[in-house]
């Protein structure tokens, strides 16, 4: 149940990012749900490998290269899907930052709501 609620909220967050920033385009809530799923899948499967491969660059930049990796995951999801688009790398960077901030708010709220029931 918690996973489904988080997925629906992440899709709503993606719609919010598209509403706030014109560089991110989402056609419908269904597209946002699919995009949130693909972003989560890429972050689970591909991101750890990229972090490991770019560890020297990440250390050299004091962790700032992780923002680039997040933007690449966001941009990659947009390139795979039809109803979700990003106008360029800088739009992906800003969109991924906004999406991550929304994700942190969602995670905090989910912890408060579902943490009390346990």
PDB file of N, CA and C in Angstrom:
ATOM      1  N   UNK A   1       0.828  -1.194   0.000  1.00  0.00           N
ATOM      2  CA  UNK A   1       0.000   0.000   0.000  1.00  0.00           C
ATOM      3  C   UNK A   1       0.875   1.261   0.000  1.00  0.00           C
ATOM      4  N   UNK A   2       1.907   1.241   0.829  1.00  0.00           N
ATOM      5  CA  UNK A   2       2.793   2.394   0.940  1.00  0.00           C
ATOM      6  C   UNK A   2       3.475   2.684  -0.397  1.00  0.00           C
ATOM      7  N   UNK A   3       3.883   1.640  -1.099  1.00  0.00           N
ATOM      8  CA  UNK A   3       4.564   1.797  -2.384  1.00  0.00           C
ATOM      9  C   UNK A   3       3.644   2.417  -3.435  1.00  0.00           C
ATOM     10  N   UNK A   4       2.394   2.005  -3.452  1.00  0.00           N
ATOM     11  CA  UNK A   4       1.439   2.531  -4.430  1.00  0.00           C
ATOM     12  C   UNK A   4       1.124   3.999  -4.142  1.00  0.00           C
ATOM     13  N   UNK A   5       0.942   4.333  -2.870  1.00  0.00           N
ATOM     14  CA  UNK A   5       0.673   5.732  -2.501  1.00  0.00           C
ATOM     15  C   UNK A   5       1.866   6.610  -2.868  1.00  0.00           C
ATOM     16  N   UNK A   6       3.072   6.125  -2.597  1.00  0.00           N
ATOM     17  CA  UNK A   6       4.276   6.896  -2.928  1.00  0.00           C
ATOM     18  C   UNK A   6       4.379   7.089  -4.439  1.00  0.00           C
ATOM     19  N   UNK A   7       4.073   6.046  -5.210  1.00  0.00           N
ATOM     20  CA  UNK A   7       4.131   6.145  -6.665  1.00  0.00           C
ATOM     21  C   UNK A   7       3.126   7.184  -7.188  1.00  0.00           C
ATOM     22  N   UNK A   8       1.913   7.171  -6.657  1.00  0.00           N
ATOM     23  CA  UNK A   8       0.903   8.142  -7.076  1.00  0.00           C
ATOM     24  C   UNK A   8       1.305   9.572  -6.705  1.00  0.00           C
ATOM     25  N   UNK A   9       1.905   9.731  -5.526  1.00  0.00           N
ATOM     26  CA  UNK A   9       2.362  11.053  -5.108  1.00  0.00           C
ATOM     27  C   UNK A   9       3.554  11.519  -5.940  1.00  0.00           C
ATOM     28  N   UNK A  10       4.440  10.613  -6.312  1.00  0.00           N
ATOM     29  CA  UNK A  10       5.574  10.986  -7.164  1.00  0.00           C
ATOM     30  C   UNK A  10       5.076  11.419  -8.542  1.00  0.00           C
ATOM     31  N   UNK A  11       4.034  10.758  -9.048  1.00  0.00           N
ATOM     32  CA  UNK A  11       3.453  11.167 -10.329  1.00  0.00           C
ATOM     33  C   UNK A  11       2.851  12.568 -10.217  1.00  0.00           C
ATOM     34  N   UNK A  12       2.177  12.842  -9.103  1.00  0.00           N
ATOM     35  CA  UNK A  12       1.628  14.185  -8.882  1.00  0.00           C
ATOM     36  C   UNK A  12       2.757  15.213  -8.761  1.00  0.00           C
ATOM     37  N   UNK A  13       3.860  14.823  -8.146  1.00  0.00           N
ATOM     38  CA  UNK A  13       5.015  15.719  -8.040  1.00  0.00           C
ATOM     39  C   UNK A  13       5.593  16.027  -9.406  1.00  0.00           C
ATOM     40  N   UNK A  14       5.588  15.044 -10.293  1.00  0.00           N
ATOM     41  CA  UNK A  14       6.079  15.264 -11.648  1.00  0.00           C
ATOM     42  C   UNK A  14       5.177  16.245 -12.398  1.00  0.00           C
ATOM     43  N   UNK A  15       3.878  16.145 -12.184  1.00  0.00           N
ATOM     44  CA  UNK A  15       2.955  17.126 -12.766  1.00  0.00           C
ATOM     45  C   UNK A  15       3.194  18.521 -12.198  1.00  0.00           C
ATOM     46  N   UNK A  16       3.507  18.591 -10.901  1.00  0.00           N
ATOM     47  CA  UNK A  16       3.812  19.878 -10.277  1.00  0.00           C
ATOM     48  C   UNK A  16       5.071  20.489 -10.880  1.00  0.00           C
ATOM     49  N   UNK A  17       6.092  19.679 -11.077  1.00  0.00           N
ATOM     50  CA  UNK A  17       7.333  20.162 -11.686  1.00  0.00           C
ATOM     51  C   UNK A  17       7.052  20.679 -13.095  1.00  0.00           C
ATOM     52  N   UNK A  18       6.251  19.959 -13.855  1.00  0.00           N
ATOM     53  CA  UNK A  18       5.907  20.395 -15.211  1.00  0.00           C
ATOM     54  C   UNK A  18       5.105  21.685 -15.192  1.00  0.00           C
ATOM     55  N   UNK A  19       4.290  21.863 -14.163  1.00  0.00           N
ATOM     56  CA  UNK A  19       3.501  23.091 -14.045  1.00  0.00           C
ATOM     57  C   UNK A  19       4.384  24.279 -13.653  1.00  0.00           C
ATOM     58  N   UNK A  20       5.348  24.042 -12.765  1.00  0.00           N
ATOM     59  CA  UNK A  20       6.203  25.124 -12.281  1.00  0.00           C
ATOM     60  C   UNK A  20       7.293  25.516 -13.267  1.00  0.00           C
ATOM     61  N   UNK A  21       7.770  24.549 -14.051  1.00  0.00           N
ATOM     62  CA  UNK A  21       8.916  24.805 -14.933  1.00  0.00           C
ATOM     63  C   UNK A  21       8.567  24.392 -16.357  1.00  0.00           C
ATOM     64  N   UNK A  22       8.704  25.306 -17.284  1.00  0.00           N
ATOM     65  CA  UNK A  22       8.284  25.050 -18.658  1.00  0.00           C
ATOM     66  C   UNK A  22       9.233  24.127 -19.420  1.00  0.00           C
ATOM     67  N   UNK A  23      10.407  23.816 -18.890  1.00  0.00           N
ATOM     68  CA  UNK A  23      11.337  22.923 -19.564  1.00  0.00           C
ATOM     69  C   UNK A  23      10.966  21.462 -19.442  1.00  0.00           C
ATOM     70  N   UNK A  24      10.034  21.145 -18.542  1.00  0.00           N
ATOM     71  CA  UNK A  24       9.565  19.775 -18.352  1.00  0.00           C
ATOM     72  C   UNK A  24       8.116  19.706 -18.832  1.00  0.00           C
ATOM     73  N   UNK A  25       7.831  18.729 -19.690  1.00  0.00           N
ATOM     74  CA  UNK A  25       6.506  18.603 -20.278  1.00  0.00           C
ATOM     75  C   UNK A  25       5.904  17.246 -19.934  1.00  0.00           C
ATOM     76  N   UNK A  26       4.695  17.261 -19.385  1.00  0.00           N
ATOM     77  CA  UNK A  26       3.962  16.029 -19.084  1.00  0.00           C
ATOM     78  C   UNK A  26       2.566  16.190 -19.662  1.00  0.00           C
ATOM     79  N   UNK A  27       2.160  15.229 -20.497  1.00  0.00           N
ATOM     80  CA  UNK A  27       0.872  15.351 -21.188  1.00  0.00           C
ATOM     81  C   UNK A  27      -0.326  15.060 -20.297  1.00  0.00           C
ATOM     82  N   UNK A  28      -0.244  14.031 -19.449  1.00  0.00           N
ATOM     83  CA  UNK A  28      -1.397  13.642 -18.641  1.00  0.00           C
ATOM     84  C   UNK A  28      -0.919  12.983 -17.356  1.00  0.00           C
ATOM     85  N   UNK A  29      -1.880  12.698 -16.475  1.00  0.00           N
ATOM     86  CA  UNK A  29      -1.520  12.029 -15.229  1.00  0.00           C
ATOM     87  C   UNK A  29      -1.049  10.603 -15.495  1.00  0.00           C
ATOM     88  N   UNK A  30      -1.614   9.961 -16.492  1.00  0.00           N
ATOM     89  CA  UNK A  30      -1.161   8.622 -16.876  1.00  0.00           C
ATOM     90  C   UNK A  30       0.290   8.641 -17.345  1.00  0.00           C
ATOM     91  N   UNK A  31       0.637   9.656 -18.121  1.00  0.00           N
ATOM     92  CA  UNK A  31       2.031   9.813 -18.555  1.00  0.00           C
ATOM     93  C   UNK A  31       2.937  10.079 -17.364  1.00  0.00           C
ATOM     94  N   UNK A  32       2.439  10.853 -16.410  1.00  0.00           N
ATOM     95  CA  UNK A  32       3.222  11.142 -15.208  1.00  0.00           C
ATOM     96  C   UNK A  32       3.433   9.880 -14.376  1.00  0.00           C
ATOM     97  N   UNK A  33       2.403   9.022 -14.310  1.00  0.00           N
ATOM     98  CA  UNK A  33       2.546   7.764 -13.565  1.00  0.00           C
ATOM     99  C   UNK A  33       3.583   6.863 -14.221  1.00  0.00           C
ATOM    100  N   UNK A  34       3.543   6.767 -15.536  1.00  0.00           N
ATOM    101  CA  UNK A  34       4.521   5.952 -16.252  1.00  0.00           C
ATOM    102  C   UNK A  34       5.921   6.543 -16.125  1.00  0.00           C
ATOM    103  N   UNK A  35       6.036   7.859 -16.205  1.00  0.00           N
ATOM    104  CA  UNK A  35       7.331   8.514 -16.075  1.00  0.00           C
ATOM    105  C   UNK A  35       7.897   8.331 -14.662  1.00  0.00           C
ATOM    106  N   UNK A  36       7.053   8.448 -13.644  1.00  0.00           N
ATOM    107  CA  UNK A  36       7.522   8.238 -12.273  1.00  0.00           C
ATOM    108  C   UNK A  36       8.009   6.807 -12.086  1.00  0.00           C
ATOM    109  N   UNK A  37       7.328   5.860 -12.708  1.00  0.00           N
ATOM    110  CA  UNK A  37       7.755   4.461 -12.630  1.00  0.00           C
ATOM    111  C   UNK A  37       9.105   4.259 -13.318  1.00  0.00           C
ATOM    112  N   UNK A  38       9.261   4.819 -14.513  1.00  0.00           N
ATOM    113  CA  UNK A  38      10.517   4.658 -15.258  1.00  0.00           C
ATOM    114  C   UNK A  38      11.662   5.371 -14.552  1.00  0.00           C
ATOM    115  N   UNK A  39      11.431   6.558 -14.009  1.00  0.00           N
ATOM    116  CA  UNK A  39      12.477   7.264 -13.257  1.00  0.00           C
ATOM    117  C   UNK A  39      12.893   6.435 -12.047  1.00  0.00           C
ATOM    118  N   UNK A  40      11.915   5.887 -11.340  1.00  0.00           N
ATOM    119  CA  UNK A  40      12.236   5.036 -10.197  1.00  0.00           C
ATOM    120  C   UNK A  40      13.009   3.794 -10.602  1.00  0.00           C
ATOM    121  N   UNK A  41      12.642   3.207 -11.722  1.00  0.00           N
ATOM    122  CA  UNK A  41      13.335   2.024 -12.232  1.00  0.00           C
ATOM    123  C   UNK A  41      14.771   2.360 -12.627  1.00  0.00           C
ATOM    124  N   UNK A  42      14.960   3.470 -13.331  1.00  0.00           N
ATOM    125  CA  UNK A  42      16.311   3.885 -13.703  1.00  0.00           C
ATOM    126  C   UNK A  42      17.159   4.212 -12.476  1.00  0.00           C
ATOM    127  N   UNK A  43      16.546   4.872 -11.497  1.00  0.00           N
ATOM    128  CA  UNK A  43      17.289   5.200 -10.274  1.00  0.00           C
ATOM    129  C   UNK A  43      17.653   3.958  -9.477  1.00  0.00           C
ATOM    130  N   UNK A  44      16.861   2.909  -9.593  1.00  0.00           N
ATOM    131  CA  UNK A  44      17.143   1.675  -8.871  1.00  0.00           C
ATOM    132  C   UNK A  44      18.175   0.812  -9.587  1.00  0.00           C
ATOM    133  N   UNK A  45      18.093   0.737 -10.908  1.00  0.00           N
ATOM    134  CA  UNK A  45      18.939  -0.191 -11.651  1.00  0.00           C
ATOM    135  C   UNK A  45      20.201   0.441 -12.252  1.00  0.00           C
ATOM    136  N   UNK A  46      20.073   1.617 -12.848  1.00  0.00           N
ATOM    137  CA  UNK A  46      21.187   2.205 -13.592  1.00  0.00           C
ATOM    138  C   UNK A  46      22.021   3.161 -12.746  1.00  0.00           C
ATOM    139  N   UNK A  47      21.370   3.948 -11.903  1.00  0.00           N
ATOM    140  CA  UNK A  47      22.067   4.978 -11.133  1.00  0.00           C
ATOM    141  C   UNK A  47      23.199   4.423 -10.262  1.00  0.00           C
ATOM    142  N   UNK A  48      23.016   3.306  -9.528  1.00  0.00           N
ATOM    143  CA  UNK A  48      24.138   2.809  -8.721  1.00  0.00           C
ATOM    144  C   UNK A  48      25.367   2.451  -9.557  1.00  0.00           C
ATOM    145  N   UNK A  49      25.144   1.919 -10.751  1.00  0.00           N
ATOM    146  CA  UNK A  49      26.254   1.588 -11.635  1.00  0.00           C
ATOM    147  C   UNK A  49      26.966   2.860 -12.102  1.00  0.00           C
ATOM    148  N   UNK A  50      26.205   3.880 -12.467  1.00  0.00           N
ATOM    149  CA  UNK A  50      26.806   5.150 -12.875  1.00  0.00           C
ATOM    150  C   UNK A  50      27.567   5.813 -11.734  1.00  0.00           C
ATOM    151  N   UNK A  51      27.018   5.747 -10.535  1.00  0.00           N
ATOM    152  CA  UNK A  51      27.701   6.332  -9.371  1.00  0.00           C
ATOM    153  C   UNK A  51      29.024   5.618  -9.137  1.00  0.00           C
ATOM    154  N   UNK A  52      29.020   4.315  -9.251  1.00  0.00           N
ATOM    155  CA  UNK A  52      30.244   3.539  -9.051  1.00  0.00           C
ATOM    156  C   UNK A  52      31.282   3.840 -10.132  1.00  0.00           C
ATOM    157  N   UNK A  53      30.846   3.909 -11.380  1.00  0.00           N
ATOM    158  CA  UNK A  53      31.778   4.166 -12.482  1.00  0.00           C
ATOM    159  C   UNK A  53      32.355   5.585 -12.465  1.00  0.00           C
ATOM    160  N   UNK A  54      31.587   6.525 -11.952  1.00  0.00           N
ATOM    161  CA  UNK A  54      32.050   7.917 -11.939  1.00  0.00           C
ATOM    162  C   UNK A  54      32.512   8.355 -10.552  1.00  0.00           C
ATOM    163  N   UNK A  55      32.857   7.399  -9.711  1.00  0.00           N
ATOM    164  CA  UNK A  55      33.272   7.727  -8.343  1.00  0.00           C
ATOM    165  C   UNK A  55      34.461   8.684  -8.287  1.00  0.00           C
ATOM    166  N   UNK A  56      35.514   8.523  -9.107  1.00  0.00           N
ATOM    167  CA  UNK A  56      36.611   9.492  -9.038  1.00  0.00           C
ATOM    168  C   UNK A  56      36.178  10.922  -9.373  1.00  0.00           C
ATOM    169  N   UNK A  57      35.311  11.076 -10.373  1.00  0.00           N
ATOM    170  CA  UNK A  57      34.819  12.409 -10.735  1.00  0.00           C
ATOM    171  C   UNK A  57      33.948  12.969  -9.617  1.00  0.00           C
ATOM    172  N   UNK A  58      33.156  12.115  -9.011  1.00  0.00           N
ATOM    173  CA  UNK A  58      32.274  12.544  -7.918  1.00  0.00           C
ATOM    174  C   UNK A  58      33.101  13.012  -6.731  1.00  0.00           C
ATOM    175  N   UNK A  59      34.148  12.288  -6.398  1.00  0.00           N
ATOM    176  CA  UNK A  59      35.016  12.689  -5.293  1.00  0.00           C
ATOM    177  C   UNK A  59      35.736  13.988  -5.638  1.00  0.00           C
ATOM    178  N   UNK A  60      36.214  14.094  -6.869  1.00  0.00           N
ATOM    179  CA  UNK A  60      36.934  15.291  -7.301  1.00  0.00           C
ATOM    180  C   UNK A  60      36.058  16.540  -7.253  1.00  0.00           C
ATOM    181  N   UNK A  61      34.771  16.382  -7.566  1.00  0.00           N
ATOM    182  CA  UNK A  61      33.849  17.520  -7.551  1.00  0.00           C
ATOM    183  C   UNK A  61      33.109  17.657  -6.221  1.00  0.00           C
ATOM    184  N   UNK A  62      33.552  16.908  -5.224  1.00  0.00           N
ATOM    185  CA  UNK A  62      32.960  16.953  -3.880  1.00  0.00           C
ATOM    186  C   UNK A  62      31.469  16.593  -3.895  1.00  0.00           C
ATOM    187  N   UNK A  63      31.097  15.660  -4.762  1.00  0.00           N
ATOM    188  CA  UNK A  63      29.730  15.162  -4.807  1.00  0.00           C
ATOM    189  C   UNK A  63      28.805  15.895  -5.749  1.00  0.00           C
ATOM    190  N   UNK A  64      29.270  16.987  -6.342  1.00  0.00           N
ATOM    191  CA  UNK A  64      28.397  17.753  -7.226  1.00  0.00           C
ATOM    192  C   UNK A  64      28.067  17.008  -8.513  1.00  0.00           C
ATOM    193  N   UNK A  65      28.893  16.035  -8.901  1.00  0.00           N
ATOM    194  CA  UNK A  65      28.618  15.272 -10.113  1.00  0.00           C
ATOM    195  C   UNK A  65      27.376  14.404  -9.954  1.00  0.00           C
ATOM    196  N   UNK A  66      26.945  14.147  -8.724  1.00  0.00           N
ATOM    197  CA  UNK A  66      25.712  13.383  -8.499  1.00  0.00           C
ATOM    198  C   UNK A  66      24.495  14.116  -9.062  1.00  0.00           C
ATOM    199  N   UNK A  67      24.553  15.448  -9.089  1.00  0.00           N
ATOM    200  CA  UNK A  67      23.474  16.217  -9.709  1.00  0.00           C
ATOM    201  C   UNK A  67      23.398  15.929 -11.207  1.00  0.00           C
ATOM    202  N   UNK A  68      24.559  15.766 -11.839  1.00  0.00           N
ATOM    203  CA  UNK A  68      24.607  15.441 -13.259  1.00  0.00           C
ATOM    204  C   UNK A  68      24.017  14.054 -13.500  1.00  0.00           C
ATOM    205  N   UNK A  69      24.341  13.103 -12.626  1.00  0.00           N
ATOM    206  CA  UNK A  69      23.797  11.748 -12.761  1.00  0.00           C
ATOM    207  C   UNK A  69      22.279  11.762 -12.603  1.00  0.00           C
ATOM    208  N   UNK A  70      21.773  12.528 -11.637  1.00  0.00           N
ATOM    209  CA  UNK A  70      20.315  12.651 -11.472  1.00  0.00           C
ATOM    210  C   UNK A  70      19.673  13.253 -12.717  1.00  0.00           C
ATOM    211  N   UNK A  71      20.316  14.264 -13.287  1.00  0.00           N
ATOM    212  CA  UNK A  71      19.784  14.886 -14.502  1.00  0.00           C
ATOM    213  C   UNK A  71      19.796  13.895 -15.658  1.00  0.00           C
ATOM    214  N   UNK A  72      20.829  13.071 -15.749  1.00  0.00           N
ATOM    215  CA  UNK A  72      20.883  12.066 -16.819  1.00  0.00           C
ATOM    216  C   UNK A  72      19.781  11.026 -16.666  1.00  0.00           C
ATOM    217  N   UNK A  73      19.457  10.642 -15.432  1.00  0.00           N
ATOM    218  CA  UNK A  73      18.365   9.696 -15.207  1.00  0.00           C
ATOM    219  C   UNK A  73      17.027  10.321 -15.609  1.00  0.00           C
ATOM    220  N   UNK A  74      16.837  11.581 -15.277  1.00  0.00           N
ATOM    221  CA  UNK A  74      15.616  12.316 -15.615  1.00  0.00           C
ATOM    222  C   UNK A  74      15.497  12.459 -17.129  1.00  0.00           C
ATOM    223  N   UNK A  75      16.592  12.840 -17.761  1.00  0.00           N
ATOM    224  CA  UNK A  75      16.628  13.025 -19.206  1.00  0.00           C
ATOM    225  C   UNK A  75      16.461  11.695 -19.925  1.00  0.00           C
ATOM    226  N   UNK A  76      17.051  10.641 -19.372  1.00  0.00           N
ATOM    227  CA  UNK A  76      16.913   9.308 -19.961  1.00  0.00           C
ATOM    228  C   UNK A  76      15.478   8.822 -19.949  1.00  0.00           C
ATOM    229  N   UNK A  77      14.791   9.062 -18.844  1.00  0.00           N
ATOM    230  CA  UNK A  77      13.377   8.677 -18.765  1.00  0.00           C
ATOM    231  C   UNK A  77      12.557   9.463 -19.786  1.00  0.00           C
ATOM    232  N   UNK A  78      12.878  10.732 -19.950  1.00  0.00           N
ATOM    233  CA  UNK A  78      12.145  11.558 -20.916  1.00  0.00           C
ATOM    234  C   UNK A  78      12.394  11.091 -22.343  1.00  0.00           C
ATOM    235  N   UNK A  79      13.588  10.589 -22.617  1.00  0.00           N
ATOM    236  CA  UNK A  79      13.876  10.132 -23.979  1.00  0.00           C
ATOM    237  C   UNK A  79      13.222   8.782 -24.279  1.00  0.00           C
ATOM    238  N   UNK A  80      12.891   8.017 -23.240  1.00  0.00           N
ATOM    239  CA  UNK A  80      12.263   6.714 -23.434  1.00  0.00           C
ATOM    240  C   UNK A  80      10.748   6.794 -23.606  1.00  0.00           C
ATOM    241  N   UNK A  81      10.132   7.856 -23.100  1.00  0.00           N
ATOM    242  CA  UNK A  81       8.673   7.939 -23.052  1.00  0.00           C
ATOM    243  C   UNK A  81       8.132   8.999 -24.001  1.00  0.00           C
ATOM    244  N   UNK A  82       6.906   8.792 -24.461  1.00  0.00           N
ATOM    245  CA  UNK A  82       6.279   9.743 -25.380  1.00  0.00           C
ATOM    246  C   UNK A  82       5.580  10.900 -24.662  1.00  0.00           C
ATOM    247  N   UNK A  83       4.895  10.648 -23.571  1.00  0.00           N
ATOM    248  CA  UNK A  83       4.116  11.679 -22.900  1.00  0.00           C
ATOM    249  C   UNK A  83       4.893  12.519 -21.906  1.00  0.00           C
ATOM    250  N   UNK A  84       6.199  12.302 -21.833  1.00  0.00           N
ATOM    251  CA  UNK A  84       7.056  13.014 -20.879  1.00  0.00           C
ATOM    252  C   UNK A  84       8.263  13.528 -21.644  1.00  0.00           C
ATOM    253  N   UNK A  85       8.524  14.826 -21.541  1.00  0.00           N
ATOM    254  CA  UNK A  85       9.629  15.400 -22.288  1.00  0.00           C
ATOM    255  C   UNK A  85      10.399  16.438 -21.493  1.00  0.00           C
ATOM    256  N   UNK A  86      11.656  16.598 -21.886  1.00  0.00           N
ATOM    257  CA  UNK A  86      12.540  17.593 -21.297  1.00  0.00           C
ATOM    258  C   UNK A  86      13.213  18.315 -22.457  1.00  0.00           C
ATOM    259  N   UNK A  87      13.317  19.642 -22.391  1.00  0.00           N
ATOM    260  CA  UNK A  87      13.811  20.416 -23.526  1.00  0.00           C
ATOM    261  C   UNK A  87      15.324  20.359 -23.698  1.00  0.00           C
ATOM    262  N   UNK A  88      16.067  19.945 -22.710  1.00  0.00           N
ATOM    263  CA  UNK A  88      17.516  19.870 -22.830  1.00  0.00           C
ATOM    264  C   UNK A  88      18.151  19.448 -21.515  1.00  0.00           C
ATOM    265  N   UNK A  89      19.487  19.435 -21.497  1.00  0.00           N
ATOM    266  CA  UNK A  89      20.178  18.982 -20.294  1.00  0.00           C
ATOM    267  C   UNK A  89      19.918  19.899 -19.110  1.00  0.00           C
ATOM    268  N   UNK A  90      19.971  21.217 -19.333  1.00  0.00           N
ATOM    269  CA  UNK A  90      19.782  22.147 -18.215  1.00  0.00           C
ATOM    270  C   UNK A  90      18.360  22.071 -17.676  1.00  0.00           C
ATOM    271  N   UNK A  91      17.414  21.833 -18.555  1.00  0.00           N
ATOM    272  CA  UNK A  91      16.030  21.632 -18.111  1.00  0.00           C
ATOM    273  C   UNK A  91      15.925  20.340 -17.305  1.00  0.00           C
ATOM    274  N   UNK A  92      16.656  19.309 -17.725  1.00  0.00           N
ATOM    275  CA  UNK A  92      16.666  18.046 -16.973  1.00  0.00           C
ATOM    276  C   UNK A  92      17.313  18.246 -15.610  1.00  0.00           C
ATOM    277  N   UNK A  93      18.362  19.054 -15.553  1.00  0.00           N
ATOM    278  CA  UNK A  93      19.028  19.315 -14.273  1.00  0.00           C
ATOM    279  C   UNK A  93      18.089  20.036 -13.310  1.00  0.00           C
ATOM    280  N   UNK A  94      17.463  21.100 -13.764  1.00  0.00           N
ATOM    281  CA  UNK A  94      16.546  21.839 -12.897  1.00  0.00           C
ATOM    282  C   UNK A  94      15.301  21.013 -12.574  1.00  0.00           C
ATOM    283  N   UNK A  95      14.784  20.295 -13.556  1.00  0.00           N
ATOM    284  CA  UNK A  95      13.620  19.441 -13.321  1.00  0.00           C
ATOM    285  C   UNK A  95      13.920  18.338 -12.321  1.00  0.00           C
ATOM    286  N   UNK A  96      15.110  17.737 -12.421  1.00  0.00           N
ATOM    287  CA  UNK A  96      15.463  16.674 -11.474  1.00  0.00           C
ATOM    288  C   UNK A  96      15.665  17.236 -10.071  1.00  0.00           C
ATOM    289  N   UNK A  97      16.172  18.452  -9.967  1.00  0.00           N
ATOM    290  CA  UNK A  97      16.308  19.074  -8.641  1.00  0.00           C
ATOM    291  C   UNK A  97      14.943  19.329  -8.013  1.00  0.00           C
ATOM    292  N   UNK A  98      14.025  19.881  -8.788  1.00  0.00           N
ATOM    293  CA  UNK A  98      12.671  20.129  -8.274  1.00  0.00           C
ATOM    294  C   UNK A  98      11.966  18.823  -7.918  1.00  0.00           C
ATOM    295  N   UNK A  99      12.142  17.810  -8.767  1.00  0.00           N
ATOM    296  CA  UNK A  99      11.521  16.507  -8.529  1.00  0.00           C
ATOM    297  C   UNK A  99      12.105  15.857  -7.274  1.00  0.00           C
ATOM    298  N   UNK A 100      13.395  16.013  -7.061  1.00  0.00           N
ATOM    299  CA  UNK A 100      14.029  15.460  -5.857  1.00  0.00           C
ATOM    300  C   UNK A 100      13.540  16.162  -4.602  1.00  0.00           C
ATOM    301  N   UNK A 101      13.377  17.481  -4.682  1.00  0.00           N
ATOM    302  CA  UNK A 101      12.848  18.220  -3.529  1.00  0.00           C
ATOM    303  C   UNK A 101      11.429  17.765  -3.199  1.00  0.00           C
ATOM    304  N   UNK A 102      10.608  17.592  -4.225  1.00  0.00           N
ATOM    305  CA  UNK A 102       9.250  17.077  -4.001  1.00  0.00           C
ATOM    306  C   UNK A 102       9.304  15.671  -3.405  1.00  0.00           C
ATOM    307  N   UNK A 103      10.237  14.855  -3.878  1.00  0.00           N
ATOM    308  CA  UNK A 103      10.393  13.498  -3.360  1.00  0.00           C
ATOM    309  C   UNK A 103      10.777  13.481  -1.890  1.00  0.00           C
ATOM    310  N   UNK A 104      11.619  14.432  -1.482  1.00  0.00           N
ATOM    311  CA  UNK A 104      11.992  14.505  -0.063  1.00  0.00           C
ATOM    312  C   UNK A 104      10.789  14.883   0.794  1.00  0.00           C
ATOM    313  N   UNK A 105       9.970  15.804   0.313  1.00  0.00           N
ATOM    314  CA  UNK A 105       8.756  16.187   1.041  1.00  0.00           C
ATOM    315  C   UNK A 105       7.804  14.999   1.126  1.00  0.00           C
ATOM    316  N   UNK A 106       7.653  14.274   0.026  1.00  0.00           N
ATOM    317  CA  UNK A 106       6.775  13.100   0.007  1.00  0.00           C
ATOM    318  C   UNK A 106       7.276  12.034   0.972  1.00  0.00           C
ATOM    319  N   UNK A 107       8.584  11.773   0.965  1.00  0.00           N
ATOM    320  CA  UNK A 107       9.148  10.767   1.868  1.00  0.00           C
ATOM    321  C   UNK A 107       8.949  11.140   3.333  1.00  0.00           C
ATOM    322  N   UNK A 108       9.115  12.411   3.656  1.00  0.00           N
ATOM    323  CA  UNK A 108       8.907  12.864   5.028  1.00  0.00           C
ATOM    324  C   UNK A 108       7.447  12.702   5.440  1.00  0.00           C
ATOM    325  N   UNK A 109       6.541  13.083   4.552  1.00  0.00           N
ATOM    326  CA  UNK A 109       5.112  12.940   4.852  1.00  0.00           C
ATOM    327  C   UNK A 109       4.723  11.475   4.977  1.00  0.00           C
ATOM    328  N   UNK A 110       5.253  10.629   4.102  1.00  0.00           N
ATOM    329  CA  UNK A 110       4.941   9.195   4.159  1.00  0.00           C
ATOM    330  C   UNK A 110       5.460   8.583   5.453  1.00  0.00           C
ATOM    331  N   UNK A 111       6.620   9.011   5.884  1.00  0.00           N
ATOM    332  CA  UNK A 111       7.180   8.487   7.134  1.00  0.00           C
ATOM    333  C   UNK A 111       6.301   8.865   8.321  1.00  0.00           C
ATOM    334  N   UNK A 112       5.782  10.079   8.299  1.00  0.00           N
ATOM    335  CA  UNK A 112       4.909  10.519   9.403  1.00  0.00           C
ATOM    336  C   UNK A 112       3.569   9.784   9.379  1.00  0.00           C
ATOM    337  N   UNK A 113       3.007   9.619   8.200  1.00  0.00           N
ATOM    338  CA  UNK A 113       1.698   8.983   8.095  1.00  0.00           C
ATOM    339  C   UNK A 113       1.786   7.480   8.368  1.00  0.00           C
ATOM    340  N   UNK A 114       2.686   6.807   7.652  1.00  0.00           N
ATOM    341  CA  UNK A 114       2.767   5.362   7.779  1.00  0.00           C
ATOM    342  C   UNK A 114       3.605   4.920   8.981  1.00  0.00           C
ATOM    343  N   UNK A 115       4.470   5.811   9.462  1.00  0.00           N
ATOM    344  CA  UNK A 115       5.281   5.470  10.631  1.00  0.00           C
ATOM    345  C   UNK A 115       4.448   5.374  11.908  1.00  0.00           C
ATOM    346  N   UNK A 116       3.354   6.128  11.992  1.00  0.00           N
ATOM    347  CA  UNK A 116       2.503   6.110  13.183  1.00  0.00           C
ATOM    348  C   UNK A 116       1.646   4.855  13.238  1.00  0.00           C
ATOM    349  N   UNK A 117       1.378   4.232  12.119  1.00  0.00           N
ATOM    350  CA  UNK A 117       0.516   3.056  12.097  1.00  0.00           C
ATOM    351  C   UNK A 117       1.260   1.795  12.492  1.00  0.00           C
ATOM    352  N   UNK A 118       2.581   1.825  12.462  1.00  0.00           N
ATOM    353  CA  UNK A 118       3.343   0.615  12.782  1.00  0.00           C
ATOM    354  C   UNK A 118       3.480   0.388  14.227  1.00  0.00           C
TER     355      UNK A 118
END
